[in-house]
Amino acid sequence: MRQDPLRIYRYRLEIDRIEQAGFCEVTIGDLSTDPIEYREGDEPATERKLNGPNKYANITLKWGIADSAELADWQQLVADDATWLGDARRSVVLRMQNEAGAEKAAFEVVRVQFGSETHLP
């Protein structure tokens, strides 16, 4: 039997390459790209569709436990609005594990900003 206090938390969160917390549930939102309609002035009335700006949905982490204050410190940095948001962005890796603790998948997200809806104890 594993002696791991985080064993029921199948999703591990790394912030800037350091494991910070475990979570039971993770939801990764959709990515969407809005098309831009474009045509030259001397072309027929048919418009071309080009890729427009990407829109990323939120990543939601639920039912977690952390053994450091890094998440709370990051949230406070953003909430205080005392720093430029570019300095408050972090690289985050979400690692999914099976019941034996072996890694099954990893998702890296760069330049993450701490969310606007936060419920920390």
Protein backbone atom coordinates (compact mmCIF):
# COMPACT_ATOMS: atom_id res chain seq x y z
CA MET A 1 0.00 0.00 0.00
CA ARG A 2 1.31 3.44 -0.88
CA GLN A 3 1.96 5.82 1.96
CA ASP A 4 1.00 8.93 0.03
CA PRO A 5 -1.27 11.57 1.58
CA LEU A 6 -2.14 12.78 -1.93
CA ARG A 7 -2.97 9.35 -3.39
CA ILE A 8 -6.68 10.08 -4.00
CA TYR A 9 -5.68 13.22 -5.89
CA ARG A 10 -5.03 11.92 -9.42
CA TYR A 11 -4.06 15.28 -10.89
CA ARG A 12 -0.79 16.83 -9.78
CA LEU A 13 -0.13 20.52 -10.33
CA GLU A 14 3.36 21.83 -11.01
CA ILE A 15 4.06 25.55 -11.02
CA ASP A 16 7.34 26.55 -12.62
CA ARG A 17 8.52 22.87 -12.56
CA ILE A 18 7.88 22.36 -8.82
CA GLU A 19 5.02 20.10 -7.68
CA GLN A 20 2.67 22.21 -5.60
CA ALA A 21 -0.69 20.46 -5.16
CA GLY A 22 -2.96 17.53 -5.95
CA PHE A 23 -6.54 17.73 -7.21
CA CYS A 24 -9.39 15.23 -7.61
CA GLU A 25 -11.05 16.92 -10.57
CA VAL A 26 -9.70 18.99 -13.46
CA THR A 27 -11.71 20.53 -16.28
CA ILE A 28 -9.91 21.94 -19.30
CA GLY A 29 -12.06 24.29 -21.36
CA ASP A 30 -12.35 24.48 -25.12
CA LEU A 31 -10.15 26.33 -27.56
CA SER A 32 -11.92 28.31 -30.25
CA THR A 33 -10.72 30.36 -33.18
CA ASP A 34 -12.98 32.99 -34.70
CA PRO A 35 -12.65 33.28 -38.48
CA ILE A 36 -11.85 36.59 -40.13
CA GLU A 37 -13.48 37.22 -43.49
CA TYR A 38 -11.09 38.80 -45.98
CA ARG A 39 -10.95 39.73 -49.64
CA GLU A 40 -8.89 41.99 -51.85
CA GLY A 41 -10.59 44.95 -53.49
CA ASP A 42 -10.29 43.58 -57.05
CA GLU A 43 -11.48 40.04 -56.21
CA PRO A 44 -15.00 38.69 -56.68
CA ALA A 45 -17.47 39.10 -53.83
CA THR A 46 -16.49 35.71 -52.39
CA GLU A 47 -14.60 36.20 -49.15
CA ARG A 48 -11.79 34.04 -47.81
CA LYS A 49 -11.78 32.94 -44.22
CA LEU A 50 -8.56 33.36 -42.28
CA ASN A 51 -7.75 32.19 -38.78
CA GLY A 52 -8.56 34.88 -36.27
CA PRO A 53 -7.61 35.25 -32.63
CA ASN A 54 -7.63 32.18 -30.40
CA LYS A 55 -9.85 32.11 -27.32
CA TYR A 56 -8.92 29.86 -24.43
CA ALA A 57 -11.44 28.79 -21.81
CA ASN A 58 -10.57 28.47 -18.14
CA ILE A 59 -8.92 25.50 -16.50
CA THR A 60 -10.82 24.52 -13.37
CA LEU A 61 -9.17 22.64 -10.50
CA LYS A 62 -11.50 21.20 -7.83
CA TRP A 63 -11.09 19.40 -4.54
CA GLY A 64 -7.40 19.91 -4.01
CA ILE A 65 -4.78 19.91 -1.34
CA ALA A 66 -1.46 21.74 -1.31
CA ASP A 67 1.55 21.34 0.92
CA SER A 68 2.91 24.81 0.25
CA ALA A 69 1.61 28.36 0.18
CA GLU A 70 2.62 28.92 -3.47
CA LEU A 71 -0.98 28.88 -4.78
CA ALA A 72 -2.15 31.32 -2.13
CA ASP A 73 0.85 33.59 -2.73
CA TRP A 74 0.21 33.56 -6.49
CA GLN A 75 -3.48 34.38 -5.97
CA GLN A 76 -2.57 37.21 -3.59
CA LEU A 77 -0.06 38.63 -6.09
CA VAL A 78 -2.81 38.91 -8.71
CA ALA A 79 -5.47 40.11 -6.25
CA ASP A 80 -3.28 42.91 -4.87
CA ASP A 81 -2.83 44.26 -8.39
CA ALA A 82 0.57 45.52 -7.25
CA THR A 83 2.46 43.99 -10.14
CA TRP A 84 2.24 43.95 -13.89
CA LEU A 85 0.20 40.90 -14.96
CA GLY A 86 3.02 39.70 -17.22
CA ASP A 87 5.12 39.19 -14.09
CA ALA A 88 2.28 37.26 -12.43
CA ARG A 89 2.04 34.63 -15.18
CA ARG A 90 3.46 31.15 -14.53
CA SER A 91 4.16 27.96 -16.44
CA VAL A 92 1.88 25.18 -15.22
CA VAL A 93 1.96 21.42 -15.82
CA LEU A 94 -1.03 19.22 -14.98
CA ARG A 95 -0.02 15.56 -14.60
CA MET A 96 -2.66 12.84 -14.65
CA GLN A 97 -1.84 9.64 -12.74
CA ASN A 98 -3.36 6.17 -12.50
CA GLU A 99 -4.14 4.42 -9.19
CA ALA A 100 -0.60 3.08 -8.93
CA GLY A 101 0.77 6.61 -9.15
CA ALA A 102 2.25 6.22 -12.63
CA GLU A 103 1.95 9.23 -14.90
CA LYS A 104 -0.47 8.70 -17.80
CA ALA A 105 -0.59 12.15 -19.41
CA ALA A 106 0.76 15.65 -18.89
CA PHE A 107 -0.57 18.97 -20.12
CA GLU A 108 1.72 22.00 -20.11
CA VAL A 109 0.19 25.47 -20.19
CA VAL A 110 2.49 28.46 -20.46
CA ARG A 111 1.93 32.05 -19.34
CA VAL A 112 -1.01 31.18 -17.08
CA GLN A 113 -2.71 33.91 -15.13
CA PHE A 114 -4.37 33.01 -11.83
CA GLY A 115 -8.15 32.99 -12.28
CA SER A 116 -10.67 35.58 -11.28
CA GLU A 117 -12.86 33.15 -9.31
CA THR A 118 -10.90 31.57 -6.49
CA HIS A 119 -11.98 29.73 -3.38
CA LEU A 120 -8.97 29.11 -1.17
CA PRO A 121 -9.42 28.10 2.47
